[in-house]
């Protein structure tokens, strides 16, 4: 459940990142051009991903801890996306490695 919330948070931030006017759109995952073309729909979807992620985190950790964890995850992975996207390091393989690592940490260590 925690890794699902983190993945939703990452996708929401990446969608918001792709709707920016300053970003040079490069299609790594395949949906970036659609996200840039339909900006309002993309922003609404990203907002719902953020809200759902925040609800999952507050259900797992409680209200205050969930909001704090949401902010920490948002800042951490937001910074990683801002650093890695212009360097063309966001690919399916890197994203799948992150997902597998998150699920491994959640289900085998906790």
PDB file of N, CA and C in Angstrom:
ATOM      1  N   UNK A   1       0.818  -1.182   0.000  1.00  0.00           N
ATOM      2  CA  UNK A   1       0.000   0.000   0.000  1.00  0.00           C
ATOM      3  C   UNK A   1       0.872   1.259   0.000  1.00  0.00           C
ATOM      4  N   UNK A   2       1.965   1.220   0.721  1.00  0.00           N
ATOM      5  CA  UNK A   2       2.856   2.374   0.777  1.00  0.00           C
ATOM      6  C   UNK A   2       3.528   2.584  -0.576  1.00  0.00           C
ATOM      7  N   UNK A   3       3.983   1.503  -1.179  1.00  0.00           N
ATOM      8  CA  UNK A   3       4.646   1.641  -2.475  1.00  0.00           C
ATOM      9  C   UNK A   3       3.659   2.090  -3.550  1.00  0.00           C
ATOM     10  N   UNK A   4       2.412   1.676  -3.448  1.00  0.00           N
ATOM     11  CA  UNK A   4       1.397   2.144  -4.389  1.00  0.00           C
ATOM     12  C   UNK A   4       1.193   3.648  -4.251  1.00  0.00           C
ATOM     13  N   UNK A   5       1.153   4.124  -3.018  1.00  0.00           N
ATOM     14  CA  UNK A   5       1.003   5.564  -2.789  1.00  0.00           C
ATOM     15  C   UNK A   5       2.214   6.336  -3.305  1.00  0.00           C
ATOM     16  N   UNK A   6       3.396   5.782  -3.133  1.00  0.00           N
ATOM     17  CA  UNK A   6       4.606   6.450  -3.628  1.00  0.00           C
ATOM     18  C   UNK A   6       4.607   6.481  -5.155  1.00  0.00           C
ATOM     19  N   UNK A   7       4.201   5.395  -5.794  1.00  0.00           N
ATOM     20  CA  UNK A   7       4.151   5.349  -7.255  1.00  0.00           C
ATOM     21  C   UNK A   7       3.130   6.351  -7.789  1.00  0.00           C
ATOM     22  N   UNK A   8       1.974   6.448  -7.128  1.00  0.00           N
ATOM     23  CA  UNK A   8       0.977   7.437  -7.539  1.00  0.00           C
ATOM     24  C   UNK A   8       1.510   8.851  -7.376  1.00  0.00           C
ATOM     25  N   UNK A   9       2.268   9.078  -6.320  1.00  0.00           N
ATOM     26  CA  UNK A   9       2.878  10.384  -6.084  1.00  0.00           C
ATOM     27  C   UNK A   9       3.889  10.711  -7.186  1.00  0.00           C
ATOM     28  N   UNK A  10       4.700   9.740  -7.558  1.00  0.00           N
ATOM     29  CA  UNK A  10       5.695   9.938  -8.620  1.00  0.00           C
ATOM     30  C   UNK A  10       4.998  10.242  -9.948  1.00  0.00           C
ATOM     31  N   UNK A  11       3.973   9.469 -10.283  1.00  0.00           N
ATOM     32  CA  UNK A  11       3.269   9.690 -11.547  1.00  0.00           C
ATOM     33  C   UNK A  11       2.560  11.038 -11.569  1.00  0.00           C
ATOM     34  N   UNK A  12       1.970  11.429 -10.441  1.00  0.00           N
ATOM     35  CA  UNK A  12       1.323  12.731 -10.366  1.00  0.00           C
ATOM     36  C   UNK A  12       2.302  13.869 -10.572  1.00  0.00           C
ATOM     37  N   UNK A  13       3.461  13.785  -9.936  1.00  0.00           N
ATOM     38  CA  UNK A  13       4.461  14.836 -10.114  1.00  0.00           C
ATOM     39  C   UNK A  13       4.992  14.846 -11.532  1.00  0.00           C
ATOM     40  N   UNK A  14       5.203  13.678 -12.124  1.00  0.00           N
ATOM     41  CA  UNK A  14       5.709  13.603 -13.487  1.00  0.00           C
ATOM     42  C   UNK A  14       4.705  14.180 -14.478  1.00  0.00           C
ATOM     43  N   UNK A  15       3.423  13.968 -14.223  1.00  0.00           N
ATOM     44  CA  UNK A  15       2.409  14.566 -15.085  1.00  0.00           C
ATOM     45  C   UNK A  15       2.394  16.081 -14.951  1.00  0.00           C
ATOM     46  N   UNK A  16       2.482  16.578 -13.710  1.00  0.00           N
ATOM     47  CA  UNK A  16       2.563  18.031 -13.524  1.00  0.00           C
ATOM     48  C   UNK A  16       3.831  18.596 -14.168  1.00  0.00           C
ATOM     49  N   UNK A  17       4.912  17.872 -14.083  1.00  0.00           N
ATOM     50  CA  UNK A  17       6.176  18.305 -14.676  1.00  0.00           C
ATOM     51  C   UNK A  17       6.051  18.431 -16.187  1.00  0.00           C
ATOM     52  N   UNK A  18       5.345  17.505 -16.813  1.00  0.00           N
ATOM     53  CA  UNK A  18       5.209  17.521 -18.273  1.00  0.00           C
ATOM     54  C   UNK A  18       4.242  18.574 -18.777  1.00  0.00           C
ATOM     55  N   UNK A  19       3.416  19.162 -17.923  1.00  0.00           N
ATOM     56  CA  UNK A  19       2.504  20.214 -18.366  1.00  0.00           C
ATOM     57  C   UNK A  19       3.133  21.600 -18.254  1.00  0.00           C
ATOM     58  N   UNK A  20       4.339  21.685 -17.760  1.00  0.00           N
ATOM     59  CA  UNK A  20       5.007  22.977 -17.623  1.00  0.00           C
ATOM     60  C   UNK A  20       5.380  23.541 -18.984  1.00  0.00           C
ATOM     61  N   UNK A  21       5.358  24.867 -19.096  1.00  0.00           N
ATOM     62  CA  UNK A  21       5.706  25.509 -20.366  1.00  0.00           C
ATOM     63  C   UNK A  21       7.212  25.522 -20.606  1.00  0.00           C
ATOM     64  N   UNK A  22       7.997  25.444 -19.555  1.00  0.00           N
ATOM     65  CA  UNK A  22       9.447  25.530 -19.685  1.00  0.00           C
ATOM     66  C   UNK A  22      10.104  24.197 -20.027  1.00  0.00           C
ATOM     67  N   UNK A  23       9.350  23.127 -19.958  1.00  0.00           N
ATOM     68  CA  UNK A  23       9.921  21.792 -20.163  1.00  0.00           C
ATOM     69  C   UNK A  23       9.978  21.479 -21.644  1.00  0.00           C
ATOM     70  N   UNK A  24      11.105  20.956 -22.073  1.00  0.00           N
ATOM     71  CA  UNK A  24      11.238  20.446 -23.428  1.00  0.00           C
ATOM     72  C   UNK A  24      10.738  19.003 -23.418  1.00  0.00           C
ATOM     73  N   UNK A  25       9.657  18.752 -24.119  1.00  0.00           N
ATOM     74  CA  UNK A  25       9.006  17.444 -24.069  1.00  0.00           C
ATOM     75  C   UNK A  25       9.837  16.408 -24.812  1.00  0.00           C
ATOM     76  N   UNK A  26      10.155  15.335 -24.093  1.00  0.00           N
ATOM     77  CA  UNK A  26      10.853  14.190 -24.671  1.00  0.00           C
ATOM     78  C   UNK A  26      10.079  12.952 -24.259  1.00  0.00           C
ATOM     79  N   UNK A  27       9.710  12.144 -25.212  1.00  0.00           N
ATOM     80  CA  UNK A  27       8.843  11.003 -24.949  1.00  0.00           C
ATOM     81  C   UNK A  27       9.657   9.813 -24.459  1.00  0.00           C
ATOM     82  N   UNK A  28       9.694   9.636 -23.133  1.00  0.00           N
ATOM     83  CA  UNK A  28      10.389   8.491 -22.544  1.00  0.00           C
ATOM     84  C   UNK A  28       9.425   7.344 -22.279  1.00  0.00           C
ATOM     85  N   UNK A  29       8.301   7.657 -21.639  1.00  0.00           N
ATOM     86  CA  UNK A  29       7.358   6.621 -21.257  1.00  0.00           C
ATOM     87  C   UNK A  29       6.196   6.496 -22.238  1.00  0.00           C
ATOM     88  N   UNK A  30       6.097   7.393 -23.211  1.00  0.00           N
ATOM     89  CA  UNK A  30       5.098   7.267 -24.254  1.00  0.00           C
ATOM     90  C   UNK A  30       3.895   8.182 -24.119  1.00  0.00           C
ATOM     91  N   UNK A  31       3.574   8.670 -22.939  1.00  0.00           N
ATOM     92  CA  UNK A  31       2.388   9.490 -22.766  1.00  0.00           C
ATOM     93  C   UNK A  31       2.714  10.975 -22.579  1.00  0.00           C
ATOM     94  N   UNK A  32       3.956  11.354 -22.720  1.00  0.00           N
ATOM     95  CA  UNK A  32       4.353  12.739 -22.472  1.00  0.00           C
ATOM     96  C   UNK A  32       3.769  13.708 -23.494  1.00  0.00           C
ATOM     97  N   UNK A  33       3.710  13.304 -24.762  1.00  0.00           N
ATOM     98  CA  UNK A  33       3.139  14.183 -25.788  1.00  0.00           C
ATOM     99  C   UNK A  33       1.654  14.405 -25.562  1.00  0.00           C
ATOM    100  N   UNK A  34       0.937  13.355 -25.172  1.00  0.00           N
ATOM    101  CA  UNK A  34      -0.487  13.515 -24.846  1.00  0.00           C
ATOM    102  C   UNK A  34      -0.675  14.396 -23.618  1.00  0.00           C
ATOM    103  N   UNK A  35       0.200  14.253 -22.647  1.00  0.00           N
ATOM    104  CA  UNK A  35       0.103  15.072 -21.443  1.00  0.00           C
ATOM    105  C   UNK A  35       0.332  16.539 -21.760  1.00  0.00           C
ATOM    106  N   UNK A  36       1.234  16.820 -22.678  1.00  0.00           N
ATOM    107  CA  UNK A  36       1.502  18.210 -23.044  1.00  0.00           C
ATOM    108  C   UNK A  36       0.389  18.781 -23.918  1.00  0.00           C
ATOM    109  N   UNK A  37      -0.216  17.926 -24.747  1.00  0.00           N
ATOM    110  CA  UNK A  37      -1.274  18.393 -25.645  1.00  0.00           C
ATOM    111  C   UNK A  37      -2.559  18.704 -24.874  1.00  0.00           C
ATOM    112  N   UNK A  38      -2.934  17.844 -23.928  1.00  0.00           N
ATOM    113  CA  UNK A  38      -4.154  18.025 -23.144  1.00  0.00           C
ATOM    114  C   UNK A  38      -3.777  18.424 -21.719  1.00  0.00           C
ATOM    115  N   UNK A  39      -3.356  19.675 -21.565  1.00  0.00           N
ATOM    116  CA  UNK A  39      -2.811  20.113 -20.273  1.00  0.00           C
ATOM    117  C   UNK A  39      -3.844  20.134 -19.153  1.00  0.00           C
ATOM    118  N   UNK A  40      -5.063  20.588 -19.429  1.00  0.00           N
ATOM    119  CA  UNK A  40      -6.043  20.697 -18.353  1.00  0.00           C
ATOM    120  C   UNK A  40      -6.461  19.320 -17.845  1.00  0.00           C
ATOM    121  N   UNK A  41      -6.663  18.389 -18.759  1.00  0.00           N
ATOM    122  CA  UNK A  41      -7.033  17.033 -18.352  1.00  0.00           C
ATOM    123  C   UNK A  41      -5.885  16.392 -17.579  1.00  0.00           C
ATOM    124  N   UNK A  42      -4.673  16.624 -18.033  1.00  0.00           N
ATOM    125  CA  UNK A  42      -3.502  16.057 -17.362  1.00  0.00           C
ATOM    126  C   UNK A  42      -3.354  16.615 -15.956  1.00  0.00           C
ATOM    127  N   UNK A  43      -3.589  17.911 -15.796  1.00  0.00           N
ATOM    128  CA  UNK A  43      -3.488  18.504 -14.461  1.00  0.00           C
ATOM    129  C   UNK A  43      -4.557  17.969 -13.520  1.00  0.00           C
ATOM    130  N   UNK A  44      -5.759  17.727 -14.040  1.00  0.00           N
ATOM    131  CA  UNK A  44      -6.826  17.158 -13.212  1.00  0.00           C
ATOM    132  C   UNK A  44      -6.475  15.728 -12.803  1.00  0.00           C
ATOM    133  N   UNK A  45      -5.966  14.938 -13.747  1.00  0.00           N
ATOM    134  CA  UNK A  45      -5.566  13.559 -13.440  1.00  0.00           C
ATOM    135  C   UNK A  45      -4.437  13.551 -12.416  1.00  0.00           C
ATOM    136  N   UNK A  46      -3.457  14.440 -12.590  1.00  0.00           N
ATOM    137  CA  UNK A  46      -2.338  14.508 -11.649  1.00  0.00           C
ATOM    138  C   UNK A  46      -2.817  14.920 -10.268  1.00  0.00           C
ATOM    139  N   UNK A  47      -3.760  15.840 -10.207  1.00  0.00           N
ATOM    140  CA  UNK A  47      -4.311  16.257  -8.913  1.00  0.00           C
ATOM    141  C   UNK A  47      -5.030  15.104  -8.224  1.00  0.00           C
ATOM    142  N   UNK A  48      -5.809  14.326  -8.990  1.00  0.00           N
ATOM    143  CA  UNK A  48      -6.479  13.158  -8.405  1.00  0.00           C
ATOM    144  C   UNK A  48      -5.468  12.102  -7.952  1.00  0.00           C
ATOM    145  N   UNK A  49      -4.382  11.937  -8.688  1.00  0.00           N
ATOM    146  CA  UNK A  49      -3.334  11.009  -8.247  1.00  0.00           C
ATOM    147  C   UNK A  49      -2.724  11.474  -6.932  1.00  0.00           C
ATOM    148  N   UNK A  50      -2.470  12.785  -6.809  1.00  0.00           N
ATOM    149  CA  UNK A  50      -1.945  13.326  -5.559  1.00  0.00           C
ATOM    150  C   UNK A  50      -2.922  13.127  -4.410  1.00  0.00           C
ATOM    151  N   UNK A  51      -4.197  13.403  -4.645  1.00  0.00           N
ATOM    152  CA  UNK A  51      -5.202  13.264  -3.584  1.00  0.00           C
ATOM    153  C   UNK A  51      -5.329  11.806  -3.158  1.00  0.00           C
ATOM    154  N   UNK A  52      -5.371  10.895  -4.124  1.00  0.00           N
ATOM    155  CA  UNK A  52      -5.474   9.483  -3.786  1.00  0.00           C
ATOM    156  C   UNK A  52      -4.232   8.996  -3.043  1.00  0.00           C
ATOM    157  N   UNK A  53      -3.063   9.476  -3.459  1.00  0.00           N
ATOM    158  CA  UNK A  53      -1.824   9.126  -2.766  1.00  0.00           C
ATOM    159  C   UNK A  53      -1.834   9.650  -1.338  1.00  0.00           C
ATOM    160  N   UNK A  54      -2.295  10.884  -1.164  1.00  0.00           N
ATOM    161  CA  UNK A  54      -2.381  11.455   0.181  1.00  0.00           C
ATOM    162  C   UNK A  54      -3.374  10.692   1.046  1.00  0.00           C
ATOM    163  N   UNK A  55      -4.499  10.279   0.476  1.00  0.00           N
ATOM    164  CA  UNK A  55      -5.471   9.490   1.236  1.00  0.00           C
ATOM    165  C   UNK A  55      -4.899   8.136   1.645  1.00  0.00           C
ATOM    166  N   UNK A  56      -4.169   7.489   0.742  1.00  0.00           N
ATOM    167  CA  UNK A  56      -3.546   6.210   1.090  1.00  0.00           C
ATOM    168  C   UNK A  56      -2.527   6.375   2.218  1.00  0.00           C
ATOM    169  N   UNK A  57      -1.726   7.438   2.124  1.00  0.00           N
ATOM    170  CA  UNK A  57      -0.697   7.646   3.145  1.00  0.00           C
ATOM    171  C   UNK A  57      -1.306   8.013   4.497  1.00  0.00           C
ATOM    172  N   UNK A  58      -2.390   8.791   4.496  1.00  0.00           N
ATOM    173  CA  UNK A  58      -3.029   9.117   5.776  1.00  0.00           C
ATOM    174  C   UNK A  58      -3.767   7.922   6.357  1.00  0.00           C
ATOM    175  N   UNK A  59      -4.224   7.004   5.512  1.00  0.00           N
ATOM    176  CA  UNK A  59      -4.856   5.796   6.047  1.00  0.00           C
ATOM    177  C   UNK A  59      -3.833   4.879   6.694  1.00  0.00           C
ATOM    178  N   UNK A  60      -2.659   4.806   6.107  1.00  0.00           N
ATOM    179  CA  UNK A  60      -1.636   3.907   6.630  1.00  0.00           C
ATOM    180  C   UNK A  60      -0.963   4.499   7.869  1.00  0.00           C
ATOM    181  N   UNK A  61      -0.579   5.770   7.806  1.00  0.00           N
ATOM    182  CA  UNK A  61       0.236   6.367   8.866  1.00  0.00           C
ATOM    183  C   UNK A  61      -0.530   7.244   9.848  1.00  0.00           C
ATOM    184  N   UNK A  62      -1.755   7.602   9.555  1.00  0.00           N
ATOM    185  CA  UNK A  62      -2.470   8.574  10.364  1.00  0.00           C
ATOM    186  C   UNK A  62      -2.434   9.931   9.672  1.00  0.00           C
ATOM    187  N   UNK A  63      -3.169  10.881  10.221  1.00  0.00           N
ATOM    188  CA  UNK A  63      -3.323  12.153   9.512  1.00  0.00           C
ATOM    189  C   UNK A  63      -2.026  12.946   9.473  1.00  0.00           C
ATOM    190  N   UNK A  64      -1.454  13.240  10.602  1.00  0.00           N
ATOM    191  CA  UNK A  64      -0.259  14.103  10.631  1.00  0.00           C
ATOM    192  C   UNK A  64       0.951  13.407  10.000  1.00  0.00           C
ATOM    193  N   UNK A  65       1.165  12.168  10.369  1.00  0.00           N
ATOM    194  CA  UNK A  65       2.307  11.437   9.811  1.00  0.00           C
ATOM    195  C   UNK A  65       2.128  11.177   8.319  1.00  0.00           C
ATOM    196  N   UNK A  66       0.903  10.937   7.893  1.00  0.00           N
ATOM    197  CA  UNK A  66       0.639  10.715   6.479  1.00  0.00           C
ATOM    198  C   UNK A  66       0.901  11.955   5.643  1.00  0.00           C
ATOM    199  N   UNK A  67       0.486  13.120   6.151  1.00  0.00           N
ATOM    200  CA  UNK A  67       0.745  14.368   5.437  1.00  0.00           C
ATOM    201  C   UNK A  67       2.234  14.652   5.395  1.00  0.00           C
ATOM    202  N   UNK A  68       2.924  14.425   6.495  1.00  0.00           N
ATOM    203  CA  UNK A  68       4.371  14.630   6.526  1.00  0.00           C
ATOM    204  C   UNK A  68       5.080  13.676   5.567  1.00  0.00           C
ATOM    205  N   UNK A  69       4.678  12.412   5.557  1.00  0.00           N
ATOM    206  CA  UNK A  69       5.285  11.439   4.652  1.00  0.00           C
ATOM    207  C   UNK A  69       5.003  11.791   3.196  1.00  0.00           C
ATOM    208  N   UNK A  70       3.784  12.275   2.914  1.00  0.00           N
ATOM    209  CA  UNK A  70       3.437  12.716   1.569  1.00  0.00           C
ATOM    210  C   UNK A  70       4.354  13.852   1.118  1.00  0.00           C
ATOM    211  N   UNK A  71       4.587  14.816   1.995  1.00  0.00           N
ATOM    212  CA  UNK A  71       5.460  15.946   1.647  1.00  0.00           C
ATOM    213  C   UNK A  71       6.901  15.494   1.439  1.00  0.00           C
ATOM    214  N   UNK A  72       7.377  14.580   2.267  1.00  0.00           N
ATOM    215  CA  UNK A  72       8.746  14.086   2.126  1.00  0.00           C
ATOM    216  C   UNK A  72       8.919  13.319   0.818  1.00  0.00           C
ATOM    217  N   UNK A  73       7.966  12.457   0.503  1.00  0.00           N
ATOM    218  CA  UNK A  73       8.026  11.693  -0.750  1.00  0.00           C
ATOM    219  C   UNK A  73       7.928  12.633  -1.944  1.00  0.00           C
ATOM    220  N   UNK A  74       7.052  13.627  -1.857  1.00  0.00           N
ATOM    221  CA  UNK A  74       6.897  14.579  -2.946  1.00  0.00           C
ATOM    222  C   UNK A  74       8.182  15.361  -3.188  1.00  0.00           C
ATOM    223  N   UNK A  75       8.819  15.817  -2.129  1.00  0.00           N
ATOM    224  CA  UNK A  75      10.065  16.566  -2.292  1.00  0.00           C
ATOM    225  C   UNK A  75      11.193  15.675  -2.810  1.00  0.00           C
ATOM    226  N   UNK A  76      11.288  14.465  -2.289  1.00  0.00           N
ATOM    227  CA  UNK A  76      12.376  13.567  -2.683  1.00  0.00           C
ATOM    228  C   UNK A  76      12.273  13.169  -4.148  1.00  0.00           C
ATOM    229  N   UNK A  77      11.140  12.597  -4.514  1.00  0.00           N
ATOM    230  CA  UNK A  77      11.005  12.122  -5.884  1.00  0.00           C
ATOM    231  C   UNK A  77      10.798  13.260  -6.868  1.00  0.00           C
ATOM    232  N   UNK A  78      10.252  14.382  -6.415  1.00  0.00           N
ATOM    233  CA  UNK A  78      10.163  15.554  -7.276  1.00  0.00           C
ATOM    234  C   UNK A  78      11.537  16.070  -7.654  1.00  0.00           C
ATOM    235  N   UNK A  79      12.434  16.109  -6.694  1.00  0.00           N
ATOM    236  CA  UNK A  79      13.803  16.534  -6.986  1.00  0.00           C
ATOM    237  C   UNK A  79      14.502  15.556  -7.926  1.00  0.00           C
ATOM    238  N   UNK A  80      14.257  14.265  -7.715  1.00  0.00           N
ATOM    239  CA  UNK A  80      14.866  13.259  -8.590  1.00  0.00           C
ATOM    240  C   UNK A  80      14.352  13.404 -10.020  1.00  0.00           C
ATOM    241  N   UNK A  81      13.052  13.651 -10.176  1.00  0.00           N
ATOM    242  CA  UNK A  81      12.481  13.814 -11.518  1.00  0.00           C
ATOM    243  C   UNK A  81      13.035  15.066 -12.184  1.00  0.00           C
ATOM    244  N   UNK A  82      13.126  16.155 -11.439  1.00  0.00           N
ATOM    245  CA  UNK A  82      13.640  17.399 -12.015  1.00  0.00           C
ATOM    246  C   UNK A  82      15.101  17.246 -12.429  1.00  0.00           C
ATOM    247  N   UNK A  83      15.858  16.454 -11.688  1.00  0.00           N
ATOM    248  CA  UNK A  83      17.257  16.245 -12.057  1.00  0.00           C
ATOM    249  C   UNK A  83      17.438  15.241 -13.190  1.00  0.00           C
ATOM    250  N   UNK A  84      16.622  14.181 -13.208  1.00  0.00           N
ATOM    251  CA  UNK A  84      16.844  13.103 -14.166  1.00  0.00           C
ATOM    252  C   UNK A  84      16.176  13.321 -15.516  1.00  0.00           C
ATOM    253  N   UNK A  85      15.069  14.052 -15.568  1.00  0.00           N
ATOM    254  CA  UNK A  85      14.338  14.211 -16.828  1.00  0.00           C
ATOM    255  C   UNK A  85      15.144  14.957 -17.895  1.00  0.00           C
ATOM    256  N   UNK A  86      15.805  16.074 -17.590  1.00  0.00           N
ATOM    257  CA  UNK A  86      16.593  16.722 -18.654  1.00  0.00           C
ATOM    258  C   UNK A  86      17.797  15.899 -19.113  1.00  0.00           C
ATOM    259  N   UNK A  87      18.265  15.001 -18.268  1.00  0.00           N
ATOM    260  CA  UNK A  87      19.396  14.148 -18.635  1.00  0.00           C
ATOM    261  C   UNK A  87      18.963  12.884 -19.369  1.00  0.00           C
ATOM    262  N   UNK A  88      17.659  12.767 -19.625  1.00  0.00           N
ATOM    263  CA  UNK A  88      17.060  11.631 -20.334  1.00  0.00           C
ATOM    264  C   UNK A  88      17.322  10.304 -19.620  1.00  0.00           C
ATOM    265  N   UNK A  89      17.207  10.316 -18.313  1.00  0.00           N
ATOM    266  CA  UNK A  89      17.435   9.106 -17.529  1.00  0.00           C
ATOM    267  C   UNK A  89      16.140   8.456 -17.047  1.00  0.00           C
ATOM    268  N   UNK A  90      14.989   9.038 -17.378  1.00  0.00           N
ATOM    269  CA  UNK A  90      13.721   8.432 -16.994  1.00  0.00           C
ATOM    270  C   UNK A  90      13.282   7.537 -18.148  1.00  0.00           C
ATOM    271  N   UNK A  91      13.411   6.235 -17.938  1.00  0.00           N
ATOM    272  CA  UNK A  91      13.026   5.255 -18.949  1.00  0.00           C
ATOM    273  C   UNK A  91      12.184   4.177 -18.288  1.00  0.00           C
ATOM    274  N   UNK A  92      11.666   3.266 -19.111  1.00  0.00           N
ATOM    275  CA  UNK A  92      10.894   2.154 -18.561  1.00  0.00           C
ATOM    276  C   UNK A  92      11.739   1.307 -17.611  1.00  0.00           C
ATOM    277  N   UNK A  93      12.983   1.083 -17.971  1.00  0.00           N
ATOM    278  CA  UNK A  93      13.818   0.216 -17.134  1.00  0.00           C
ATOM    279  C   UNK A  93      14.114   0.872 -15.782  1.00  0.00           C
ATOM    280  N   UNK A  94      14.425   2.160 -15.777  1.00  0.00           N
ATOM    281  CA  UNK A  94      14.677   2.838 -14.497  1.00  0.00           C
ATOM    282  C   UNK A  94      13.416   2.897 -13.644  1.00  0.00           C
ATOM    283  N   UNK A  95      12.281   3.175 -14.298  1.00  0.00           N
ATOM    284  CA  UNK A  95      11.024   3.246 -13.554  1.00  0.00           C
ATOM    285  C   UNK A  95      10.639   1.880 -13.003  1.00  0.00           C
ATOM    286  N   UNK A  96      10.854   0.817 -13.781  1.00  0.00           N
ATOM    287  CA  UNK A  96      10.525  -0.520 -13.293  1.00  0.00           C
ATOM    288  C   UNK A  96      11.474  -0.950 -12.176  1.00  0.00           C
ATOM    289  N   UNK A  97      12.725  -0.531 -12.224  1.00  0.00           N
ATOM    290  CA  UNK A  97      13.655  -0.828 -11.123  1.00  0.00           C
ATOM    291  C   UNK A  97      13.192  -0.160  -9.840  1.00  0.00           C
ATOM    292  N   UNK A  98      12.715   1.075  -9.934  1.00  0.00           N
ATOM    293  CA  UNK A  98      12.202   1.780  -8.757  1.00  0.00           C
ATOM    294  C   UNK A  98      10.984   1.058  -8.203  1.00  0.00           C
ATOM    295  N   UNK A  99      10.072   0.640  -9.073  1.00  0.00           N
ATOM    296  CA  UNK A  99       8.853  -0.046  -8.624  1.00  0.00           C
ATOM    297  C   UNK A  99       9.187  -1.379  -7.966  1.00  0.00           C
ATOM    298  N   UNK A 100      10.057  -2.163  -8.581  1.00  0.00           N
ATOM    299  CA  UNK A 100      10.430  -3.458  -8.015  1.00  0.00           C
ATOM    300  C   UNK A 100      11.136  -3.277  -6.668  1.00  0.00           C
ATOM    301  N   UNK A 101      12.008  -2.283  -6.577  1.00  0.00           N
ATOM    302  CA  UNK A 101      12.695  -2.019  -5.315  1.00  0.00           C
ATOM    303  C   UNK A 101      11.714  -1.612  -4.227  1.00  0.00           C
ATOM    304  N   UNK A 102      10.742  -0.767  -4.557  1.00  0.00           N
ATOM    305  CA  UNK A 102       9.750  -0.347  -3.564  1.00  0.00           C
ATOM    306  C   UNK A 102       8.928  -1.529  -3.066  1.00  0.00           C
ATOM    307  N   UNK A 103       8.461  -2.374  -4.002  1.00  0.00           N
ATOM    308  CA  UNK A 103       7.687  -3.535  -3.589  1.00  0.00           C
ATOM    309  C   UNK A 103       8.537  -4.526  -2.791  1.00  0.00           C
ATOM    310  N   UNK A 104       9.794  -4.682  -3.163  1.00  0.00           N
ATOM    311  CA  UNK A 104      10.691  -5.563  -2.427  1.00  0.00           C
ATOM    312  C   UNK A 104      10.874  -5.070  -0.996  1.00  0.00           C
ATOM    313  N   UNK A 105      11.107  -3.793  -0.850  1.00  0.00           N
ATOM    314  CA  UNK A 105      11.312  -3.233   0.491  1.00  0.00           C
ATOM    315  C   UNK A 105      10.033  -3.365   1.324  1.00  0.00           C
ATOM    316  N   UNK A 106       8.887  -3.098   0.702  1.00  0.00           N
ATOM    317  CA  UNK A 106       7.638  -3.138   1.457  1.00  0.00           C
ATOM    318  C   UNK A 106       7.246  -4.546   1.886  1.00  0.00           C
ATOM    319  N   UNK A 107       7.286  -5.492   0.969  1.00  0.00           N
ATOM    320  CA  UNK A 107       6.741  -6.816   1.279  1.00  0.00           C
ATOM    321  C   UNK A 107       7.739  -7.783   1.886  1.00  0.00           C
ATOM    322  N   UNK A 108       9.010  -7.645   1.621  1.00  0.00           N
ATOM    323  CA  UNK A 108       9.958  -8.588   2.172  1.00  0.00           C
ATOM    324  C   UNK A 108      10.640  -8.097   3.445  1.00  0.00           C
ATOM    325  N   UNK A 109      10.771  -6.804   3.601  1.00  0.00           N
ATOM    326  CA  UNK A 109      11.439  -6.298   4.795  1.00  0.00           C
ATOM    327  C   UNK A 109      10.468  -5.883   5.890  1.00  0.00           C
ATOM    328  N   UNK A 110       9.261  -5.510   5.534  1.00  0.00           N
ATOM    329  CA  UNK A 110       8.301  -5.083   6.560  1.00  0.00           C
ATOM    330  C   UNK A 110       7.260  -6.110   6.713  1.00  0.00           C
TER     331      UNK A 110
END
